Amino acid sequence: MTRHVHLTRDLAHAREALSTLHMQGIGNEAISLVARSDIELERIPDSMKEADTDAVPAALRGMGVGGASGLLAGLVATVFTPLGVTLAGAAAIGAIGALVGGWSSAMVGASLPDPVRQQFEDEIAAGRILVLVDVADGREPAVREAMLAADAPRLNYDAPLGAA
């Protein structure tokens, strides 16, 4: 499954793009819209709004860094005999580091806007509407052709690690 981000001029153009996607057999569960907050509040149904945050990718990064740091600290502690930390204790310290790192990174990531909003903030601020489509790998060429015919070009977007 690949996330495609397409650019539309306004809400009417976004609706045309949605009709094109529906004709390709893509349901609303695979489609989201991203727009400026005043446009979203007034005109876009809640079921079509993209409300992701960076919490999951941030948590994954935090667990990796926290786990590695905790394990390193645990291994260093095993060297100092007066502390009495065993290798099992070092693994436990690593696990605690992963939990704390994942939790704290998820809290910070939840406060950040989703990666699509971050990458295309200028387009959104200009009043354009982004159409996000989760496309099965075999359907990509047909969807790309249909969206080009609807004059909704695909923007260059690579989802960050752990994002949908």
Protein backbone atom coordinates (compact mmCIF):
# COMPACT_ATOMS: atom_id res chain seq x y z
CA MET A 1 0.00 0.00 0.00
CA THR A 2 1.42 3.36 -1.02
CA ARG A 3 0.21 6.79 0.02
CA HIS A 4 -0.26 9.19 -2.89
CA VAL A 5 -0.69 12.92 -2.31
CA HIS A 6 -2.46 14.87 -5.06
CA LEU A 7 -2.91 18.63 -5.34
CA THR A 8 -6.24 20.28 -6.15
CA ARG A 9 -7.03 23.98 -6.61
CA ASP A 10 -10.12 24.24 -4.42
CA LEU A 11 -12.95 22.24 -2.89
CA ALA A 12 -14.86 21.86 -6.18
CA HIS A 13 -11.74 20.48 -7.84
CA ALA A 14 -11.17 18.16 -4.85
CA ARG A 15 -14.72 16.82 -5.24
CA GLU A 16 -14.03 16.09 -8.92
CA ALA A 17 -10.88 14.21 -7.90
CA LEU A 18 -12.90 12.23 -5.33
CA SER A 19 -15.42 11.25 -8.02
CA THR A 20 -12.56 10.12 -10.22
CA LEU A 21 -11.19 7.96 -7.41
CA HIS A 22 -14.63 6.48 -6.71
CA MET A 23 -14.94 5.57 -10.41
CA GLN A 24 -11.62 3.71 -10.04
CA GLY A 25 -13.21 1.66 -7.25
CA ILE A 26 -11.40 3.37 -4.37
CA GLY A 27 -13.62 3.83 -1.32
CA ASN A 28 -13.73 6.67 1.18
CA GLU A 29 -11.79 4.60 3.73
CA ALA A 30 -8.67 4.98 1.54
CA ILE A 31 -9.14 8.70 0.86
CA SER A 32 -8.45 11.72 3.06
CA LEU A 33 -8.44 15.45 2.47
CA VAL A 34 -6.03 17.98 3.96
CA ALA A 35 -6.77 21.69 3.80
CA ARG A 36 -6.34 24.93 5.69
CA SER A 37 -8.18 24.86 9.02
CA ASP A 38 -10.88 27.37 7.97
CA ILE A 39 -11.69 25.30 4.88
CA GLU A 40 -11.70 22.03 6.85
CA LEU A 41 -14.01 23.36 9.55
CA GLU A 42 -16.62 24.72 7.15
CA ARG A 43 -16.68 22.40 4.17
CA ILE A 44 -14.98 19.04 4.64
CA PRO A 45 -16.84 16.19 6.39
CA ASP A 46 -15.08 14.75 9.46
CA SER A 47 -14.81 11.32 7.87
CA MET A 48 -12.59 12.75 5.10
CA LYS A 49 -10.21 14.74 7.30
CA GLU A 50 -6.66 13.56 7.81
CA ALA A 51 -5.84 13.83 11.51
CA ASP A 52 -2.56 11.96 11.84
CA THR A 53 0.23 13.17 14.04
CA ASP A 54 3.87 12.20 14.18
CA ALA A 55 3.32 10.11 17.34
CA VAL A 56 3.93 6.63 15.90
CA PRO A 57 7.09 7.43 13.91
CA ALA A 58 8.41 9.44 16.87
CA ALA A 59 7.69 6.59 19.29
CA LEU A 60 9.53 4.12 17.07
CA ARG A 61 12.56 6.39 16.86
CA GLY A 62 12.42 7.01 20.63
CA MET A 63 12.23 3.30 21.43
CA GLY A 64 15.28 2.64 19.27
CA VAL A 65 17.36 5.43 20.75
CA GLY A 66 16.10 4.86 24.32
CA GLY A 67 16.68 1.11 24.12
CA ALA A 68 20.19 1.51 22.75
CA SER A 69 21.05 4.16 25.35
CA GLY A 70 19.60 2.07 28.18
CA LEU A 71 21.41 -1.05 27.06
CA LEU A 72 24.68 0.86 26.79
CA ALA A 73 24.16 2.32 30.27
CA GLY A 74 23.36 -1.16 31.62
CA LEU A 75 26.48 -2.66 30.07
CA VAL A 76 28.62 0.14 31.49
CA ALA A 77 27.04 -0.52 34.90
CA THR A 78 28.05 -4.19 34.73
CA VAL A 79 31.69 -3.14 34.47
CA PHE A 80 31.51 -1.36 37.84
CA THR A 81 31.35 -4.29 40.26
CA PRO A 82 30.24 -2.25 43.29
CA LEU A 83 26.92 -1.58 41.53
CA GLY A 84 26.24 -5.33 41.26
CA VAL A 85 24.40 -5.15 37.92
CA THR A 86 24.30 -8.44 35.99
CA LEU A 87 23.78 -8.92 32.25
CA ALA A 88 20.09 -9.56 32.94
CA GLY A 89 20.01 -6.24 34.77
CA ALA A 90 21.63 -4.57 31.76
CA ALA A 91 18.87 -6.01 29.52
CA ALA A 92 16.24 -4.74 31.97
CA ILE A 93 17.79 -1.27 31.94
CA GLY A 94 17.73 -1.41 28.13
CA ALA A 95 14.03 -2.33 28.15
CA ILE A 96 13.26 0.50 30.56
CA GLY A 97 15.21 2.86 28.30
CA ALA A 98 13.15 1.74 25.30
CA LEU A 99 9.88 2.28 27.19
CA VAL A 100 10.84 5.71 28.47
CA GLY A 101 12.26 6.75 25.09
CA GLY A 102 9.18 5.55 23.22
CA TRP A 103 6.76 7.20 25.65
CA SER A 104 8.51 10.57 25.75
CA SER A 105 9.03 10.66 21.98
CA ALA A 106 5.37 9.77 21.37
CA MET A 107 4.28 12.65 23.60
CA VAL A 108 6.42 15.09 21.66
CA GLY A 109 5.38 13.58 18.32
CA ALA A 110 1.69 13.85 19.18
CA SER A 111 2.07 17.61 19.41
CA LEU A 112 3.54 17.88 15.91
CA PRO A 113 1.38 18.08 12.80
CA ASP A 114 1.32 15.05 10.55
CA PRO A 115 4.16 14.66 8.04
CA VAL A 116 1.96 15.56 5.03
CA ARG A 117 1.01 18.90 6.63
CA GLN A 118 4.64 19.58 7.47
CA GLN A 119 5.90 18.87 3.97
CA PHE A 120 3.19 20.73 2.06
CA GLU A 121 2.40 23.59 4.45
CA ASP A 122 2.88 26.24 1.71
CA GLU A 123 0.32 24.59 -0.57
CA ILE A 124 -2.16 24.26 2.30
CA ALA A 125 -1.63 27.88 3.42
CA ALA A 126 -2.34 29.02 -0.16
CA GLY A 127 -5.83 27.47 0.10
CA ARG A 128 -5.18 24.39 -2.01
CA ILE A 129 -6.59 21.03 -0.94
CA LEU A 130 -4.53 17.86 -0.82
CA VAL A 131 -6.17 14.55 -1.67
CA LEU A 132 -4.44 11.63 0.08
CA VAL A 133 -5.03 8.18 -1.37
CA ASP A 134 -3.80 4.86 -0.02
CA VAL A 135 -3.34 2.80 -3.17
CA ALA A 136 -2.67 -0.94 -3.46
CA ASP A 137 0.58 -1.55 -5.31
CA GLY A 138 -1.01 -3.08 -8.41
CA ARG A 139 -3.45 -0.19 -8.84
CA GLU A 140 -0.91 2.65 -8.90
CA PRO A 141 -0.71 3.16 -12.70
CA ALA A 142 -4.51 3.31 -13.14
CA VAL A 143 -4.92 5.75 -10.24
CA ARG A 144 -2.04 7.92 -11.48
CA GLU A 145 -3.59 8.12 -14.98
CA ALA A 146 -7.06 8.90 -13.62
CA MET A 147 -5.80 11.66 -11.32
CA LEU A 148 -3.74 13.21 -14.12
CA ALA A 149 -6.88 13.20 -16.29
CA ALA A 150 -8.69 14.98 -13.43
CA ASP A 151 -5.88 17.60 -13.40
CA ALA A 152 -4.82 16.61 -9.86
CA PRO A 153 -1.05 16.07 -10.12
CA ARG A 154 0.73 13.77 -7.70
CA LEU A 155 3.13 15.50 -5.34
CA ASN A 156 6.44 13.97 -4.37
CA TYR A 157 5.87 12.48 -0.92
CA ASP A 158 7.72 9.75 0.95
CA ALA A 159 6.12 8.68 4.21
CA PRO A 160 8.49 8.75 7.17
CA LEU A 161 9.45 5.55 9.00
CA GLY A 162 6.43 4.09 10.77
CA ALA A 163 3.85 6.38 9.15
CA ALA A 164 1.00 4.97 7.14
